Amino acid sequence: MDIDKIPQWMLALEPEDATFVKNFVLKSGSLKEIAKLYEVSYPTVRLRLDKLIQKIEISDQKEEEPFASFIKGLAIDSRIDLETAKIIIDKYKQERK
């Protein structure tokens, strides 16, 4: 596959996220099997998958609002809390008007 045909969301994945997706596919999407592979609980795998889904959704939206997507990504990665992310995004939108 040509690199220019690879979806942007795939290119934006961190190496550990790409490995998780690969393992998820190889285990036929079984979260129980992924939990065994990573030696973690099912809820931990579910949380990781939910965060990965959010990252992919944000990656798809990046062309519309790159700054807001960046801030949302920080919140998803728990680098900032959700309330702070909302405040920053609201302030950014106000400044753009």
PDB file of N, CA and C in Angstrom:
ATOM      1  N   MET A   1       0.847  -1.173   0.000  1.00  0.00           N
ATOM      2  CA  MET A   1       0.000   0.000   0.000  1.00  0.00           C
ATOM      3  C   MET A   1       0.893   1.238   0.000  1.00  0.00           C
ATOM      4  N   ASP A   2       0.557   2.184  -0.842  1.00  0.00           N
ATOM      5  CA  ASP A   2       1.298   3.444  -0.889  1.00  0.00           C
ATOM      6  C   ASP A   2       1.042   4.235   0.385  1.00  0.00           C
ATOM      7  N   ILE A   3       2.081   4.905   0.862  1.00  0.00           N
ATOM      8  CA  ILE A   3       1.964   5.663   2.112  1.00  0.00           C
ATOM      9  C   ILE A   3       0.919   6.767   2.007  1.00  0.00           C
ATOM     10  N   ASP A   4       0.731   7.334   0.836  1.00  0.00           N
ATOM     11  CA  ASP A   4      -0.256   8.398   0.685  1.00  0.00           C
ATOM     12  C   ASP A   4      -1.693   7.866   0.715  1.00  0.00           C
ATOM     13  N   LYS A   5      -1.860   6.552   0.668  1.00  0.00           N
ATOM     14  CA  LYS A   5      -3.191   5.954   0.735  1.00  0.00           C
ATOM     15  C   LYS A   5      -3.521   5.420   2.130  1.00  0.00           C
ATOM     16  N   ILE A   6      -2.556   5.485   3.041  1.00  0.00           N
ATOM     17  CA  ILE A   6      -2.796   5.043   4.418  1.00  0.00           C
ATOM     18  C   ILE A   6      -3.604   6.139   5.118  1.00  0.00           C
ATOM     19  N   PRO A   7      -4.716   5.768   5.756  1.00  0.00           N
ATOM     20  CA  PRO A   7      -5.534   6.783   6.437  1.00  0.00           C
ATOM     21  C   PRO A   7      -4.735   7.543   7.486  1.00  0.00           C
ATOM     22  N   GLN A   8      -5.046   8.817   7.620  1.00  0.00           N
ATOM     23  CA  GLN A   8      -4.334   9.679   8.563  1.00  0.00           C
ATOM     24  C   GLN A   8      -4.413   9.157   9.992  1.00  0.00           C
ATOM     25  N   TRP A   9      -5.556   8.587  10.368  1.00  0.00           N
ATOM     26  CA  TRP A   9      -5.692   8.106  11.741  1.00  0.00           C
ATOM     27  C   TRP A   9      -4.704   6.987  12.032  1.00  0.00           C
ATOM     28  N   MET A  10      -4.373   6.174  11.021  1.00  0.00           N
ATOM     29  CA  MET A  10      -3.390   5.104  11.226  1.00  0.00           C
ATOM     30  C   MET A  10      -1.995   5.678  11.399  1.00  0.00           C
ATOM     31  N   LEU A  11      -1.681   6.674  10.625  1.00  0.00           N
ATOM     32  CA  LEU A  11      -0.360   7.297  10.715  1.00  0.00           C
ATOM     33  C   LEU A  11      -0.173   8.036  12.036  1.00  0.00           C
ATOM     34  N   ALA A  12      -1.282   8.480  12.616  1.00  0.00           N
ATOM     35  CA  ALA A  12      -1.205   9.241  13.869  1.00  0.00           C
ATOM     36  C   ALA A  12      -1.075   8.354  15.105  1.00  0.00           C
ATOM     37  N   LEU A  13      -1.218   7.047  14.949  1.00  0.00           N
ATOM     38  CA  LEU A  13      -1.142   6.152  16.103  1.00  0.00           C
ATOM     39  C   LEU A  13       0.270   6.106  16.685  1.00  0.00           C
ATOM     40  N   GLU A  14       0.330   6.088  18.008  1.00  0.00           N
ATOM     41  CA  GLU A  14       1.597   5.861  18.696  1.00  0.00           C
ATOM     42  C   GLU A  14       1.972   4.396  18.458  1.00  0.00           C
ATOM     43  N   PRO A  15       3.267   4.053  18.498  1.00  0.00           N
ATOM     44  CA  PRO A  15       3.663   2.661  18.259  1.00  0.00           C
ATOM     45  C   PRO A  15       2.941   1.646  19.152  1.00  0.00           C
ATOM     46  N   GLU A  16       2.761   1.975  20.442  1.00  0.00           N
ATOM     47  CA  GLU A  16       2.084   1.031  21.334  1.00  0.00           C
ATOM     48  C   GLU A  16       0.602   0.882  20.983  1.00  0.00           C
ATOM     49  N   ASP A  17      -0.003   1.953  20.454  1.00  0.00           N
ATOM     50  CA  ASP A  17      -1.394   1.865  20.013  1.00  0.00           C
ATOM     51  C   ASP A  17      -1.510   1.008  18.754  1.00  0.00           C
ATOM     52  N   ALA A  18      -0.558   1.150  17.848  1.00  0.00           N
ATOM     53  CA  ALA A  18      -0.558   0.334  16.629  1.00  0.00           C
ATOM     54  C   ALA A  18      -0.389  -1.147  16.979  1.00  0.00           C
ATOM     55  N   THR A  19       0.461  -1.428  17.952  1.00  0.00           N
ATOM     56  CA  THR A  19       0.653  -2.808  18.403  1.00  0.00           C
ATOM     57  C   THR A  19      -0.632  -3.343  19.027  1.00  0.00           C
ATOM     58  N   PHE A  20      -1.309  -2.507  19.798  1.00  0.00           N
ATOM     59  CA  PHE A  20      -2.576  -2.909  20.405  1.00  0.00           C
ATOM     60  C   PHE A  20      -3.601  -3.250  19.320  1.00  0.00           C
ATOM     61  N   VAL A  21      -3.700  -2.412  18.298  1.00  0.00           N
ATOM     62  CA  VAL A  21      -4.637  -2.663  17.195  1.00  0.00           C
ATOM     63  C   VAL A  21      -4.280  -3.972  16.495  1.00  0.00           C
ATOM     64  N   LYS A  22      -2.998  -4.190  16.253  1.00  0.00           N
ATOM     65  CA  LYS A  22      -2.555  -5.429  15.610  1.00  0.00           C
ATOM     66  C   LYS A  22      -2.960  -6.642  16.443  1.00  0.00           C
ATOM     67  N   ASN A  23      -2.679  -6.590  17.740  1.00  0.00           N
ATOM     68  CA  ASN A  23      -3.030  -7.698  18.624  1.00  0.00           C
ATOM     69  C   ASN A  23      -4.540  -7.892  18.696  1.00  0.00           C
ATOM     70  N   PHE A  24      -5.276  -6.807  18.697  1.00  0.00           N
ATOM     71  CA  PHE A  24      -6.738  -6.866  18.720  1.00  0.00           C
ATOM     72  C   PHE A  24      -7.264  -7.611  17.492  1.00  0.00           C
ATOM     73  N   VAL A  25      -6.713  -7.304  16.344  1.00  0.00           N
ATOM     74  CA  VAL A  25      -7.118  -7.983  15.102  1.00  0.00           C
ATOM     75  C   VAL A  25      -6.703  -9.454  15.147  1.00  0.00           C
ATOM     76  N   LEU A  26      -5.476  -9.714  15.563  1.00  0.00           N
ATOM     77  CA  LEU A  26      -4.992 -11.098  15.613  1.00  0.00           C
ATOM     78  C   LEU A  26      -5.781 -11.963  16.599  1.00  0.00           C
ATOM     79  N   LYS A  27      -6.332 -11.339  17.629  1.00  0.00           N
ATOM     80  CA  LYS A  27      -7.140 -12.073  18.614  1.00  0.00           C
ATOM     81  C   LYS A  27      -8.628 -11.989  18.267  1.00  0.00           C
ATOM     82  N   SER A  28      -8.925 -11.650  17.021  1.00  0.00           N
ATOM     83  CA  SER A  28     -10.310 -11.587  16.520  1.00  0.00           C
ATOM     84  C   SER A  28     -11.205 -10.656  17.336  1.00  0.00           C
ATOM     85  N   GLY A  29     -10.621  -9.619  17.877  1.00  0.00           N
ATOM     86  CA  GLY A  29     -11.395  -8.637  18.626  1.00  0.00           C
ATOM     87  C   GLY A  29     -11.830  -9.089  20.008  1.00  0.00           C
ATOM     88  N   SER A  30     -11.255 -10.155  20.506  1.00  0.00           N
ATOM     89  CA  SER A  30     -11.635 -10.660  21.825  1.00  0.00           C
ATOM     90  C   SER A  30     -10.900  -9.871  22.917  1.00  0.00           C
ATOM     91  N   LEU A  31     -11.663  -9.085  23.651  1.00  0.00           N
ATOM     92  CA  LEU A  31     -11.051  -8.318  24.736  1.00  0.00           C
ATOM     93  C   LEU A  31     -10.551  -9.234  25.848  1.00  0.00           C
ATOM     94  N   LYS A  32     -11.204 -10.376  26.032  1.00  0.00           N
ATOM     95  CA  LYS A  32     -10.722 -11.343  27.029  1.00  0.00           C
ATOM     96  C   LYS A  32      -9.339 -11.852  26.652  1.00  0.00           C
ATOM     97  N   GLU A  33      -9.147 -12.149  25.374  1.00  0.00           N
ATOM     98  CA  GLU A  33      -7.840 -12.636  24.911  1.00  0.00           C
ATOM     99  C   GLU A  33      -6.779 -11.532  25.010  1.00  0.00           C
ATOM    100  N   ILE A  34      -7.161 -10.314  24.718  1.00  0.00           N
ATOM    101  CA  ILE A  34      -6.223  -9.189  24.828  1.00  0.00           C
ATOM    102  C   ILE A  34      -5.827  -9.002  26.295  1.00  0.00           C
ATOM    103  N   ALA A  35      -6.802  -9.130  27.196  1.00  0.00           N
ATOM    104  CA  ALA A  35      -6.513  -9.008  28.631  1.00  0.00           C
ATOM    105  C   ALA A  35      -5.510 -10.065  29.069  1.00  0.00           C
ATOM    106  N   LYS A  36      -5.677 -11.290  28.580  1.00  0.00           N
ATOM    107  CA  LYS A  36      -4.721 -12.352  28.906  1.00  0.00           C
ATOM    108  C   LYS A  36      -3.343 -12.027  28.343  1.00  0.00           C
ATOM    109  N   LEU A  37      -3.304 -11.572  27.100  1.00  0.00           N
ATOM    110  CA  LEU A  37      -2.036 -11.249  26.444  1.00  0.00           C
ATOM    111  C   LEU A  37      -1.264 -10.174  27.206  1.00  0.00           C
ATOM    112  N   TYR A  38      -1.960  -9.120  27.614  1.00  0.00           N
ATOM    113  CA  TYR A  38      -1.312  -8.005  28.313  1.00  0.00           C
ATOM    114  C   TYR A  38      -1.247  -8.227  29.833  1.00  0.00           C
ATOM    115  N   GLU A  39      -1.855  -9.327  30.292  1.00  0.00           N
ATOM    116  CA  GLU A  39      -1.886  -9.650  31.718  1.00  0.00           C
ATOM    117  C   GLU A  39      -2.493  -8.520  32.550  1.00  0.00           C
ATOM    118  N   VAL A  40      -3.653  -8.058  32.082  1.00  0.00           N
ATOM    119  CA  VAL A  40      -4.412  -7.025  32.777  1.00  0.00           C
ATOM    120  C   VAL A  40      -5.872  -7.470  32.829  1.00  0.00           C
ATOM    121  N   SER A  41      -6.682  -6.707  33.544  1.00  0.00           N
ATOM    122  CA  SER A  41      -8.101  -7.052  33.651  1.00  0.00           C
ATOM    123  C   SER A  41      -8.872  -6.621  32.400  1.00  0.00           C
ATOM    124  N   TYR A  42     -10.030  -7.238  32.233  1.00  0.00           N
ATOM    125  CA  TYR A  42     -10.908  -6.880  31.123  1.00  0.00           C
ATOM    126  C   TYR A  42     -11.252  -5.387  31.140  1.00  0.00           C
ATOM    127  N   PRO A  43     -11.653  -4.805  32.300  1.00  0.00           N
ATOM    128  CA  PRO A  43     -11.967  -3.369  32.317  1.00  0.00           C
ATOM    129  C   PRO A  43     -10.785  -2.482  31.889  1.00  0.00           C
ATOM    130  N   THR A  44      -9.578  -2.911  32.215  1.00  0.00           N
ATOM    131  CA  THR A  44      -8.390  -2.149  31.802  1.00  0.00           C
ATOM    132  C   THR A  44      -8.260  -2.148  30.288  1.00  0.00           C
ATOM    133  N   VAL A  45      -8.497  -3.298  29.671  1.00  0.00           N
ATOM    134  CA  VAL A  45      -8.437  -3.389  28.202  1.00  0.00           C
ATOM    135  C   VAL A  45      -9.563  -2.566  27.589  1.00  0.00           C
ATOM    136  N   ARG A  46     -10.745  -2.635  28.166  1.00  0.00           N
ATOM    137  CA  ARG A  46     -11.891  -1.873  27.658  1.00  0.00           C
ATOM    138  C   ARG A  46     -11.588  -0.381  27.705  1.00  0.00           C
ATOM    139  N   LEU A  47     -10.982   0.082  28.797  1.00  0.00           N
ATOM    140  CA  LEU A  47     -10.630   1.491  28.935  1.00  0.00           C
ATOM    141  C   LEU A  47      -9.605   1.894  27.878  1.00  0.00           C
ATOM    142  N   ARG A  48      -8.617   1.046  27.671  1.00  0.00           N
ATOM    143  CA  ARG A  48      -7.599   1.342  26.655  1.00  0.00           C
ATOM    144  C   ARG A  48      -8.222   1.411  25.267  1.00  0.00           C
ATOM    145  N   LEU A  49      -9.121   0.492  24.964  1.00  0.00           N
ATOM    146  CA  LEU A  49      -9.802   0.504  23.672  1.00  0.00           C
ATOM    147  C   LEU A  49     -10.653   1.759  23.519  1.00  0.00           C
ATOM    148  N   ASP A  50     -11.357   2.147  24.577  1.00  0.00           N
ATOM    149  CA  ASP A  50     -12.171   3.367  24.523  1.00  0.00           C
ATOM    150  C   ASP A  50     -11.309   4.597  24.255  1.00  0.00           C
ATOM    151  N   LYS A  51     -10.153   4.676  24.910  1.00  0.00           N
ATOM    152  CA  LYS A  51      -9.245   5.808  24.677  1.00  0.00           C
ATOM    153  C   LYS A  51      -8.700   5.793  23.251  1.00  0.00           C
ATOM    154  N   LEU A  52      -8.412   4.608  22.743  1.00  0.00           N
ATOM    155  CA  LEU A  52      -7.925   4.490  21.365  1.00  0.00           C
ATOM    156  C   LEU A  52      -9.006   4.926  20.378  1.00  0.00           C
ATOM    157  N   ILE A  53     -10.238   4.550  20.639  1.00  0.00           N
ATOM    158  CA  ILE A  53     -11.348   4.980  19.787  1.00  0.00           C
ATOM    159  C   ILE A  53     -11.433   6.495  19.782  1.00  0.00           C
ATOM    160  N   GLN A  54     -11.316   7.110  20.949  1.00  0.00           N
ATOM    161  CA  GLN A  54     -11.362   8.573  21.039  1.00  0.00           C
ATOM    162  C   GLN A  54     -10.209   9.211  20.268  1.00  0.00           C
ATOM    163  N   LYS A  55      -9.021   8.635  20.361  1.00  0.00           N
ATOM    164  CA  LYS A  55      -7.869   9.166  19.633  1.00  0.00           C
ATOM    165  C   LYS A  55      -8.111   9.110  18.128  1.00  0.00           C
ATOM    166  N   ILE A  56      -8.686   8.012  17.659  1.00  0.00           N
ATOM    167  CA  ILE A  56      -8.959   7.863  16.224  1.00  0.00           C
ATOM    168  C   ILE A  56     -10.008   8.884  15.797  1.00  0.00           C
ATOM    169  N   GLU A  57     -11.042   9.063  16.590  1.00  0.00           N
ATOM    170  CA  GLU A  57     -12.077  10.050  16.256  1.00  0.00           C
ATOM    171  C   GLU A  57     -11.492  11.457  16.211  1.00  0.00           C
ATOM    172  N   ILE A  58     -10.632  11.770  17.162  1.00  0.00           N
ATOM    173  CA  ILE A  58      -9.995  13.087  17.178  1.00  0.00           C
ATOM    174  C   ILE A  58      -9.087  13.253  15.966  1.00  0.00           C
ATOM    175  N   SER A  59      -8.364  12.223  15.619  1.00  0.00           N
ATOM    176  CA  SER A  59      -7.482  12.281  14.451  1.00  0.00           C
ATOM    177  C   SER A  59      -8.278  12.587  13.192  1.00  0.00           C
ATOM    178  N   ASP A  60      -9.469  12.012  13.095  1.00  0.00           N
ATOM    179  CA  ASP A  60     -10.326  12.272  11.942  1.00  0.00           C
ATOM    180  C   ASP A  60     -10.818  13.716  11.915  1.00  0.00           C
ATOM    181  N   GLN A  61     -10.892  14.353  13.075  1.00  0.00           N
ATOM    182  CA  GLN A  61     -11.387  15.727  13.171  1.00  0.00           C
ATOM    183  C   GLN A  61     -10.276  16.768  13.099  1.00  0.00           C
ATOM    184  N   LYS A  62      -9.028  16.350  13.115  1.00  0.00           N
ATOM    185  CA  LYS A  62      -7.908  17.294  13.216  1.00  0.00           C
ATOM    186  C   LYS A  62      -7.881  18.345  12.126  1.00  0.00           C
ATOM    187  N   GLU A  63      -8.304  18.009  10.931  1.00  0.00           N
ATOM    188  CA  GLU A  63      -8.254  18.982   9.850  1.00  0.00           C
ATOM    189  C   GLU A  63      -9.215  20.133  10.100  1.00  0.00           C
ATOM    190  N   GLU A  64     -10.283  19.881  10.846  1.00  0.00           N
ATOM    191  CA  GLU A  64     -11.248  20.932  11.138  1.00  0.00           C
ATOM    192  C   GLU A  64     -10.730  21.888  12.209  1.00  0.00           C
ATOM    193  N   GLU A  65     -10.300  21.387  13.324  1.00  0.00           N
ATOM    194  CA  GLU A  65      -9.844  22.186  14.463  1.00  0.00           C
ATOM    195  C   GLU A  65      -8.606  21.558  15.082  1.00  0.00           C
ATOM    196  N   PRO A  66      -7.425  21.775  14.498  1.00  0.00           N
ATOM    197  CA  PRO A  66      -6.222  21.116  15.024  1.00  0.00           C
ATOM    198  C   PRO A  66      -5.932  21.433  16.494  1.00  0.00           C
ATOM    199  N   PHE A  67      -6.116  22.679  16.893  1.00  0.00           N
ATOM    200  CA  PHE A  67      -5.805  23.050  18.278  1.00  0.00           C
ATOM    201  C   PHE A  67      -6.758  22.362  19.254  1.00  0.00           C
ATOM    202  N   ALA A  68      -8.049  22.400  18.955  1.00  0.00           N
ATOM    203  CA  ALA A  68      -9.036  21.759  19.822  1.00  0.00           C
ATOM    204  C   ALA A  68      -8.784  20.254  19.889  1.00  0.00           C
ATOM    205  N   SER A  69      -8.427  19.655  18.776  1.00  0.00           N
ATOM    206  CA  SER A  69      -8.131  18.226  18.753  1.00  0.00           C
ATOM    207  C   SER A  69      -6.914  17.911  19.618  1.00  0.00           C
ATOM    208  N   PHE A  70      -5.926  18.793  19.574  1.00  0.00           N
ATOM    209  CA  PHE A  70      -4.726  18.617  20.396  1.00  0.00           C
ATOM    210  C   PHE A  70      -5.087  18.646  21.884  1.00  0.00           C
ATOM    211  N   ILE A  71      -5.898  19.607  22.276  1.00  0.00           N
ATOM    212  CA  ILE A  71      -6.304  19.744  23.678  1.00  0.00           C
ATOM    213  C   ILE A  71      -7.134  18.528  24.108  1.00  0.00           C
ATOM    214  N   LYS A  72      -8.048  18.087  23.247  1.00  0.00           N
ATOM    215  CA  LYS A  72      -8.842  16.890  23.564  1.00  0.00           C
ATOM    216  C   LYS A  72      -7.933  15.673  23.731  1.00  0.00           C
ATOM    217  N   GLY A  73      -6.917  15.580  22.894  1.00  0.00           N
ATOM    218  CA  GLY A  73      -5.966  14.481  22.992  1.00  0.00           C
ATOM    219  C   GLY A  73      -5.226  14.490  24.316  1.00  0.00           C
ATOM    220  N   LEU A  74      -4.868  15.686  24.794  1.00  0.00           N
ATOM    221  CA  LEU A  74      -4.217  15.786  26.107  1.00  0.00           C
ATOM    222  C   LEU A  74      -5.148  15.283  27.214  1.00  0.00           C
ATOM    223  N   ALA A  75      -6.424  15.614  27.091  1.00  0.00           N
ATOM    224  CA  ALA A  75      -7.395  15.162  28.093  1.00  0.00           C
ATOM    225  C   ALA A  75      -7.568  13.639  28.034  1.00  0.00           C
ATOM    226  N   ILE A  76      -7.635  13.091  26.839  1.00  0.00           N
ATOM    227  CA  ILE A  76      -7.784  11.642  26.689  1.00  0.00           C
ATOM    228  C   ILE A  76      -6.586  10.917  27.294  1.00  0.00           C
ATOM    229  N   ASP A  77      -5.403  11.471  27.107  1.00  0.00           N
ATOM    230  CA  ASP A  77      -4.184  10.860  27.643  1.00  0.00           C
ATOM    231  C   ASP A  77      -3.976  11.174  29.130  1.00  0.00           C
ATOM    232  N   SER A  78      -4.955  11.847  29.733  1.00  0.00           N
ATOM    233  CA  SER A  78      -4.913  12.220  31.153  1.00  0.00           C
ATOM    234  C   SER A  78      -3.753  13.151  31.478  1.00  0.00           C
ATOM    235  N   ARG A  79      -3.332  13.936  30.519  1.00  0.00           N
ATOM    236  CA  ARG A  79      -2.270  14.920  30.779  1.00  0.00           C
ATOM    237  C   ARG A  79      -2.858  16.196  31.366  1.00  0.00           C
ATOM    238  N   ILE A  80      -4.131  16.468  31.025  1.00  0.00           N
ATOM    239  CA  ILE A  80      -4.890  17.550  31.656  1.00  0.00           C
ATOM    240  C   ILE A  80      -6.279  16.993  31.944  1.00  0.00           C
ATOM    241  N   ASP A  81      -6.970  17.621  32.901  1.00  0.00           N
ATOM    242  CA  ASP A  81      -8.313  17.116  33.207  1.00  0.00           C
ATOM    243  C   ASP A  81      -9.321  17.659  32.188  1.00  0.00           C
ATOM    244  N   LEU A  82     -10.465  17.009  32.137  1.00  0.00           N
ATOM    245  CA  LEU A  82     -11.482  17.327  31.149  1.00  0.00           C
ATOM    246  C   LEU A  82     -12.008  18.750  31.299  1.00  0.00           C
ATOM    247  N   GLU A  83     -12.211  19.202  32.527  1.00  0.00           N
ATOM    248  CA  GLU A  83     -12.719  20.557  32.749  1.00  0.00           C
ATOM    249  C   GLU A  83     -11.734  21.606  32.230  1.00  0.00           C
ATOM    250  N   THR A  84     -10.446  21.388  32.461  1.00  0.00           N
ATOM    251  CA  THR A  84      -9.428  22.315  31.950  1.00  0.00           C
ATOM    252  C   THR A  84      -9.436  22.324  30.435  1.00  0.00           C
ATOM    253  N   ALA A  85      -9.567  21.158  29.826  1.00  0.00           N
ATOM    254  CA  ALA A  85      -9.621  21.063  28.363  1.00  0.00           C
ATOM    255  C   ALA A  85     -10.797  21.865  27.820  1.00  0.00           C
ATOM    256  N   LYS A  86     -11.951  21.737  28.457  1.00  0.00           N
ATOM    257  CA  LYS A  86     -13.141  22.480  28.009  1.00  0.00           C
ATOM    258  C   LYS A  86     -12.919  23.984  28.110  1.00  0.00           C
ATOM    259  N   ILE A  87     -12.312  24.426  29.210  1.00  0.00           N
ATOM    260  CA  ILE A  87     -12.052  25.857  29.410  1.00  0.00           C
ATOM    261  C   ILE A  87     -11.105  26.380  28.324  1.00  0.00           C
ATOM    262  N   ILE A  88     -10.056  25.638  28.040  1.00  0.00           N
ATOM    263  CA  ILE A  88      -9.077  26.057  27.027  1.00  0.00           C
ATOM    264  C   ILE A  88      -9.734  26.125  25.656  1.00  0.00           C
ATOM    265  N   ILE A  89     -10.511  25.123  25.314  1.00  0.00           N
ATOM    266  CA  ILE A  89     -11.169  25.101  24.000  1.00  0.00           C
ATOM    267  C   ILE A  89     -12.180  26.229  23.880  1.00  0.00           C
ATOM    268  N   ASP A  90     -12.962  26.468  24.928  1.00  0.00           N
ATOM    269  CA  ASP A  90     -13.923  27.572  24.896  1.00  0.00           C
ATOM    270  C   ASP A  90     -13.225  28.918  24.718  1.00  0.00           C
ATOM    271  N   LYS A  91     -12.138  29.113  25.441  1.00  0.00           N
ATOM    272  CA  LYS A  91     -11.378  30.370  25.337  1.00  0.00           C
ATOM    273  C   LYS A  91     -10.805  30.524  23.928  1.00  0.00           C
ATOM    274  N   TYR A  92     -10.290  29.447  23.377  1.00  0.00           N
ATOM    275  CA  TYR A  92      -9.745  29.452  22.017  1.00  0.00           C
ATOM    276  C   TYR A  92     -10.821  29.852  21.015  1.00  0.00           C
ATOM    277  N   LYS A  93     -12.010  29.264  21.163  1.00  0.00           N
ATOM    278  CA  LYS A  93     -13.105  29.583  20.226  1.00  0.00           C
ATOM    279  C   LYS A  93     -13.539  31.035  20.347  1.00  0.00           C
ATOM    280  N   GLN A  94     -13.547  31.564  21.578  1.00  0.00           N
ATOM    281  CA  GLN A  94     -13.896  32.973  21.790  1.00  0.00           C
ATOM    282  C   GLN A  94     -12.874  33.897  21.124  1.00  0.00           C
ATOM    283  N   GLU A  95     -11.603  33.555  21.251  1.00  0.00           N
ATOM    284  CA  GLU A  95     -10.533  34.377  20.680  1.00  0.00           C
ATOM    285  C   GLU A  95     -10.563  34.364  19.155  1.00  0.00           C
ATOM    286  N   ARG A  96     -10.996  33.269  18.581  1.00  0.00           N
ATOM    287  CA  ARG A  96     -11.041  33.149  17.109  1.00  0.00           C
ATOM    288  C   ARG A  96     -12.152  33.994  16.501  1.00  0.00           C
ATOM    289  N   LYS A  97     -13.187  34.296  17.292  1.00  0.00           N
ATOM    290  CA  LYS A  97     -14.338  35.063  16.778  1.00  0.00           C
ATOM    291  C   LYS A  97     -14.049  36.511  16.655  1.00  0.00           C
TER     292      LYS A  97
END
